[in-house]
């Protein structure tokens, strides 16, 4: 089931996407729950799902401005260099192959726009890079969760373009925060999908202007979903609405000099069949 957050007809709401329509859940769950974040915090996802059975859509999907599927969560965590062979692609990063634990960093929510919203290239740099990733949405509070039960804390999954301003990655000596924190340089969505079997491989395809530039499955992940969840929950409490971006596959084709950065007019598309497609056009920041 696809849960979306959106603006519609001058108001914000949330609901379930059914085909080319949306069943509005805020109309049915308010005032108890004003957002999908409220639903997750209350552990009411099953209640929300039950309300959709046999219900017709309230309005066309095309009328909605889709947002971050679960706005309001406490934190966005990202796993770096988590697909095999990315060590060679990003030699400076050191990589994760052979590492005992994953590399990680935080990402502010202001960096990610919704489906179909423009991604912005800042005037300070031409080095805007895309990174298509599967993101886990946490649905239950979890601390020190064993690997065999780790997937139980996931409410659903979504798609994320974990955008990077590459030449700002090395502004500081030991961190990547500057290059990962620019406003509206990445995207997330189009919705949160529930009921996906996370123990089976998920196929990720990314296209730039219709050309396939990333094509891999989660079988290539160095640290799997359960590994990540168990590890992270060892040192911090995961809470409903938290998002974990799990790493991006290696890009297809030979490296170019200079590298091919995103520019105004380019279209990013990421598809995972079980979820759908996240699409954004690049624009220059004014």
Protein backbone atom coordinates (compact mmCIF):
# COMPACT_ATOMS: atom_id res chain seq x y z
CA UNK A 1 0.00 0.00 0.00
CA UNK A 2 1.27 3.48 -0.92
CA UNK A 3 0.96 6.18 1.78
CA UNK A 4 1.52 9.75 0.60
CA UNK A 5 1.71 13.20 2.16
CA UNK A 6 0.65 16.08 -0.05
CA UNK A 7 -0.88 19.50 -0.56
CA UNK A 8 -4.31 19.46 -2.17
CA UNK A 9 -6.73 22.27 -2.89
CA UNK A 10 -5.06 24.67 -0.50
CA UNK A 11 -4.55 22.31 2.44
CA UNK A 12 -2.04 19.71 3.58
CA UNK A 13 -3.14 16.13 4.06
CA UNK A 14 -2.15 12.48 3.77
CA UNK A 15 -3.71 9.38 2.30
CA UNK A 16 -3.37 6.21 0.28
CA UNK A 17 -2.65 6.18 -3.43
CA UNK A 18 -4.92 3.79 -5.33
CA UNK A 19 -4.11 3.72 -9.03
CA UNK A 20 -4.48 7.27 -10.33
CA UNK A 21 -6.43 8.49 -7.29
CA UNK A 22 -5.97 9.22 -3.58
CA UNK A 23 -8.09 8.19 -0.61
CA UNK A 24 -7.76 11.08 1.84
CA UNK A 25 -7.08 9.74 5.34
CA UNK A 26 -6.98 13.07 7.11
CA UNK A 27 -10.68 13.49 6.34
CA UNK A 28 -11.31 10.14 8.02
CA UNK A 29 -8.83 10.23 10.93
CA UNK A 30 -8.84 13.88 11.99
CA UNK A 31 -8.66 15.26 14.64
CA UNK A 32 -6.87 12.27 16.17
CA UNK A 33 -4.24 12.14 13.43
CA UNK A 34 -3.28 15.18 11.38
CA UNK A 35 -0.40 13.56 9.46
CA UNK A 36 1.18 10.25 8.53
CA UNK A 37 3.80 11.03 11.15
CA UNK A 38 1.03 11.12 13.78
CA UNK A 39 -0.24 7.76 12.55
CA UNK A 40 3.20 6.18 12.88
CA UNK A 41 3.79 7.62 16.35
CA UNK A 42 0.45 6.22 17.51
CA UNK A 43 1.08 2.79 16.01
CA UNK A 44 -2.12 3.21 13.99
CA UNK A 45 -0.90 2.17 10.53
CA UNK A 46 -3.10 -0.94 10.47
CA UNK A 47 -6.12 1.15 11.42
CA UNK A 48 -5.36 3.51 8.54
CA UNK A 49 -4.97 0.61 6.12
CA UNK A 50 -8.33 -0.86 7.15
CA UNK A 51 -10.13 2.39 6.31
CA UNK A 52 -9.15 2.11 2.65
CA UNK A 53 -10.81 -1.26 1.96
CA UNK A 54 -13.56 -0.86 -0.64
CA UNK A 55 -13.27 2.96 -0.65
CA UNK A 56 -13.23 5.02 -3.82
CA UNK A 57 -10.59 7.71 -4.36
CA UNK A 58 -11.49 11.21 -3.16
CA UNK A 59 -9.59 13.05 -5.89
CA UNK A 60 -7.12 12.46 -8.74
CA UNK A 61 -3.48 11.87 -7.88
CA UNK A 62 -2.54 14.40 -10.56
CA UNK A 63 -4.10 17.22 -8.49
CA UNK A 64 -1.84 16.59 -5.47
CA UNK A 65 1.53 18.18 -4.80
CA UNK A 66 3.45 15.27 -3.29
CA UNK A 67 5.72 15.98 -0.31
CA UNK A 68 8.21 14.04 1.79
CA UNK A 69 6.06 10.98 2.60
CA UNK A 70 6.61 11.30 6.37
CA UNK A 71 7.46 14.90 7.25
CA UNK A 72 8.23 15.60 10.90
CA UNK A 73 10.52 12.70 11.77
CA UNK A 74 13.37 13.30 14.20
CA UNK A 75 16.29 12.33 11.97
CA UNK A 76 17.49 11.31 8.52
CA UNK A 77 20.47 8.96 8.53
CA UNK A 78 22.51 7.97 5.48
CA UNK A 79 24.80 5.00 4.87
CA UNK A 80 27.84 5.86 2.76
CA UNK A 81 29.57 3.74 0.09
CA UNK A 82 27.40 0.67 0.74
CA UNK A 83 27.40 -1.09 -2.64
CA UNK A 84 30.15 -3.37 -3.93
CA UNK A 85 32.66 -1.72 -6.29
CA UNK A 86 31.90 1.84 -5.13
CA UNK A 87 35.31 1.92 -3.44
CA UNK A 88 36.86 2.29 -6.90
CA UNK A 89 34.31 4.94 -7.90
CA UNK A 90 35.01 7.04 -4.80
CA UNK A 91 38.59 6.20 -3.99
CA UNK A 92 38.97 9.18 -1.64
CA UNK A 93 36.16 7.92 0.61
CA UNK A 94 37.98 4.83 1.80
CA UNK A 95 34.88 2.69 1.21
CA UNK A 96 33.15 0.01 3.23
CA UNK A 97 34.30 -3.20 1.55
CA UNK A 98 35.95 -5.27 4.25
CA UNK A 99 34.84 -2.79 6.92
CA UNK A 100 33.37 -4.12 10.14
CA UNK A 101 30.82 -1.30 10.47
CA UNK A 102 29.08 1.03 8.00
CA UNK A 103 30.04 4.64 7.36
CA UNK A 104 27.26 7.07 8.29
CA UNK A 105 26.22 10.71 8.29
CA UNK A 106 23.15 12.84 9.03
CA UNK A 107 21.16 14.74 6.40
CA UNK A 108 18.86 17.70 7.18
CA UNK A 109 15.23 17.42 5.98
CA UNK A 110 15.49 20.74 4.07
CA UNK A 111 17.79 19.01 1.55
CA UNK A 112 15.05 16.73 0.16
CA UNK A 113 12.12 17.90 -1.97
CA UNK A 114 9.11 15.81 -2.97
CA UNK A 115 8.28 13.99 -6.20
CA UNK A 116 8.12 16.29 -9.24
CA UNK A 117 9.50 19.28 -7.29
CA UNK A 118 12.62 20.92 -8.75
CA UNK A 119 16.06 19.96 -7.46
CA UNK A 120 18.21 23.08 -7.13
CA UNK A 121 21.82 23.50 -8.23
CA UNK A 122 23.38 26.27 -6.09
CA UNK A 123 25.30 29.15 -7.66
CA UNK A 124 28.37 28.30 -5.56
CA UNK A 125 29.08 25.01 -7.34
CA UNK A 126 28.46 23.13 -10.59
CA UNK A 127 29.15 19.77 -8.96
CA UNK A 128 25.60 18.63 -8.19
CA UNK A 129 25.54 14.83 -8.09
CA UNK A 130 22.64 12.37 -7.74
CA UNK A 131 22.59 9.16 -5.69
CA UNK A 132 19.53 6.91 -6.02
CA UNK A 133 18.84 5.01 -2.79
CA UNK A 134 16.19 2.94 -1.05
CA UNK A 135 15.20 4.57 2.24
CA UNK A 136 13.70 2.81 5.25
CA UNK A 137 10.94 4.56 7.20
CA UNK A 138 10.92 3.58 10.87
CA UNK A 139 7.53 2.71 12.34
CA UNK A 140 8.36 1.59 15.88
CA UNK A 141 10.68 2.77 18.61
CA UNK A 142 13.73 0.50 18.60
CA UNK A 143 16.88 0.28 20.68
CA UNK A 144 19.47 -2.52 20.59
CA UNK A 145 17.26 -4.56 18.29
CA UNK A 146 18.77 -7.93 17.28
CA UNK A 147 19.37 -8.50 13.60
CA UNK A 148 16.78 -11.28 13.36
CA UNK A 149 14.03 -8.87 14.51
CA UNK A 150 15.39 -5.65 13.01
CA UNK A 151 13.00 -5.49 10.05
CA UNK A 152 10.04 -5.47 12.45
CA UNK A 153 10.66 -1.78 13.19
CA UNK A 154 10.24 -0.74 9.52
CA UNK A 155 6.88 0.82 8.59
CA UNK A 156 7.67 1.01 4.89
CA UNK A 157 10.18 2.06 2.29
CA UNK A 158 10.55 4.96 -0.12
CA UNK A 159 12.94 6.26 -2.76
CA UNK A 160 15.61 8.88 -2.15
CA UNK A 161 17.93 10.89 -4.34
CA UNK A 162 20.58 11.67 -1.75
CA UNK A 163 21.92 14.72 -3.60
CA UNK A 164 25.48 15.89 -3.04
CA UNK A 165 27.53 18.97 -3.86
CA UNK A 166 30.68 17.00 -4.51
CA UNK A 167 33.39 19.67 -4.20
CA UNK A 168 32.01 20.69 -0.78
CA UNK A 169 32.48 17.15 0.56
CA UNK A 170 36.14 17.93 1.26
CA UNK A 171 35.82 21.46 2.63
CA UNK A 172 36.53 20.08 6.06
CA UNK A 173 39.30 17.60 6.67
CA UNK A 174 37.29 14.75 8.17
CA UNK A 175 33.59 15.24 7.37
CA UNK A 176 31.04 15.37 4.55
CA UNK A 177 28.37 17.54 6.20
CA UNK A 178 28.91 20.62 4.02
CA UNK A 179 28.42 18.74 0.75
CA UNK A 180 25.36 16.86 1.99
CA UNK A 181 23.38 19.76 3.48
CA UNK A 182 22.47 22.13 0.64
CA UNK A 183 18.81 23.14 0.39
CA UNK A 184 16.70 21.19 -2.13
CA UNK A 185 19.62 19.30 -3.71
CA UNK A 186 17.96 15.89 -3.34
CA UNK A 187 14.50 14.35 -3.26
CA UNK A 188 12.37 11.69 -1.55
CA UNK A 189 9.16 9.90 -2.39
CA UNK A 190 6.86 9.62 -4.15
CA UNK A 191 5.26 7.83 -1.19
CA UNK A 192 5.94 5.28 1.55
CA UNK A 193 5.17 1.72 0.45
CA UNK A 194 4.23 -0.95 2.99
CA UNK A 195 4.18 -4.72 2.71
CA UNK A 196 7.41 -5.12 0.70
CA UNK A 197 9.48 -8.23 1.50
CA UNK A 198 12.81 -6.68 2.52
CA UNK A 199 14.57 -10.05 2.64
CA UNK A 200 14.35 -10.35 -1.16
CA UNK A 201 16.44 -8.34 -3.64
CA UNK A 202 14.96 -5.04 -4.82
CA UNK A 203 15.92 -3.78 -8.28
CA UNK A 204 17.04 -0.14 -8.51
CA UNK A 205 17.16 1.69 -11.84
CA UNK A 206 18.17 5.35 -12.20
CA UNK A 207 17.88 7.33 -15.42
CA UNK A 208 19.19 10.79 -16.29
CA UNK A 209 17.34 12.27 -19.26
CA UNK A 210 16.10 8.78 -20.12
CA UNK A 211 19.56 7.15 -20.08
CA UNK A 212 20.12 4.38 -17.54
CA UNK A 213 22.99 5.39 -15.26
CA UNK A 214 22.46 3.11 -12.25
CA UNK A 215 21.13 -0.46 -12.43
CA UNK A 216 21.63 -2.89 -9.56
CA UNK A 217 19.84 -4.80 -6.82
CA UNK A 218 20.06 -4.70 -3.05
CA UNK A 219 21.92 -8.02 -3.23
CA UNK A 220 24.99 -5.83 -3.91
CA UNK A 221 24.67 -4.01 -0.58
CA UNK A 222 27.63 -4.56 1.73
CA UNK A 223 25.56 -3.95 4.85
CA UNK A 224 21.99 -5.26 4.44
CA UNK A 225 18.86 -3.61 5.82
CA UNK A 226 18.84 -5.72 8.99
CA UNK A 227 22.57 -5.12 9.55
CA UNK A 228 22.05 -1.36 9.36
CA UNK A 229 19.03 -1.28 11.65
CA UNK A 230 20.62 -3.49 14.29
CA UNK A 231 23.87 -1.52 14.25
CA UNK A 232 22.29 1.94 14.38
CA UNK A 233 19.88 0.99 17.16
CA UNK A 234 22.85 -0.08 19.26
CA UNK A 235 23.94 3.51 19.87
CA UNK A 236 20.76 5.54 19.25
CA UNK A 237 17.04 5.07 19.65
CA UNK A 238 15.23 4.77 16.34
CA UNK A 239 11.83 6.46 16.43
CA UNK A 240 8.72 6.46 14.23
CA UNK A 241 9.21 8.76 11.26
CA UNK A 242 13.00 8.41 11.19
CA UNK A 243 14.43 7.75 7.73
CA UNK A 244 17.53 5.74 6.84
CA UNK A 245 18.91 6.04 3.29
CA UNK A 246 20.77 2.79 2.70
CA UNK A 247 23.36 3.63 0.04
CA UNK A 248 23.54 4.07 -3.72
CA UNK A 249 24.69 1.62 -6.42
CA UNK A 250 27.76 2.18 -8.56
CA UNK A 251 27.15 4.31 -11.64
CA UNK A 252 27.27 2.63 -15.04
CA UNK A 253 29.98 3.30 -17.61
CA UNK A 254 33.51 4.70 -17.55
CA UNK A 255 34.41 7.69 -15.43
CA UNK A 256 34.65 10.93 -17.38
CA UNK A 257 36.90 13.94 -16.88
CA UNK A 258 35.44 16.25 -15.91
CA UNK A 259 32.69 14.18 -14.27
CA UNK A 260 29.15 14.54 -15.56
CA UNK A 261 27.34 16.76 -13.06
CA UNK A 262 23.63 17.54 -13.08
CA UNK A 263 22.68 20.80 -14.78
CA UNK A 264 19.50 22.83 -15.22
CA UNK A 265 16.96 20.96 -17.34
CA UNK A 266 18.23 17.46 -16.51
CA UNK A 267 15.60 14.96 -15.35
CA UNK A 268 16.36 12.45 -12.60
CA UNK A 269 14.21 9.30 -12.45
CA UNK A 270 14.59 6.46 -9.98
CA UNK A 271 12.44 3.33 -10.17
CA UNK A 272 11.96 0.34 -7.89
CA UNK A 273 9.04 -1.77 -9.21
CA UNK A 274 7.59 -2.49 -5.77
CA UNK A 275 7.44 1.25 -5.00
CA UNK A 276 7.19 3.25 -8.20
CA UNK A 277 9.16 6.13 -9.70
CA UNK A 278 10.63 9.24 -8.12
CA UNK A 279 11.18 11.99 -10.68
CA UNK A 280 12.62 15.51 -10.46
CA UNK A 281 13.88 18.14 -12.89
CA UNK A 282 17.01 20.14 -12.06
CA UNK A 283 16.90 23.94 -11.94
CA UNK A 284 19.48 26.57 -11.08
CA UNK A 285 18.87 28.19 -7.71
CA UNK A 286 17.86 31.84 -8.06
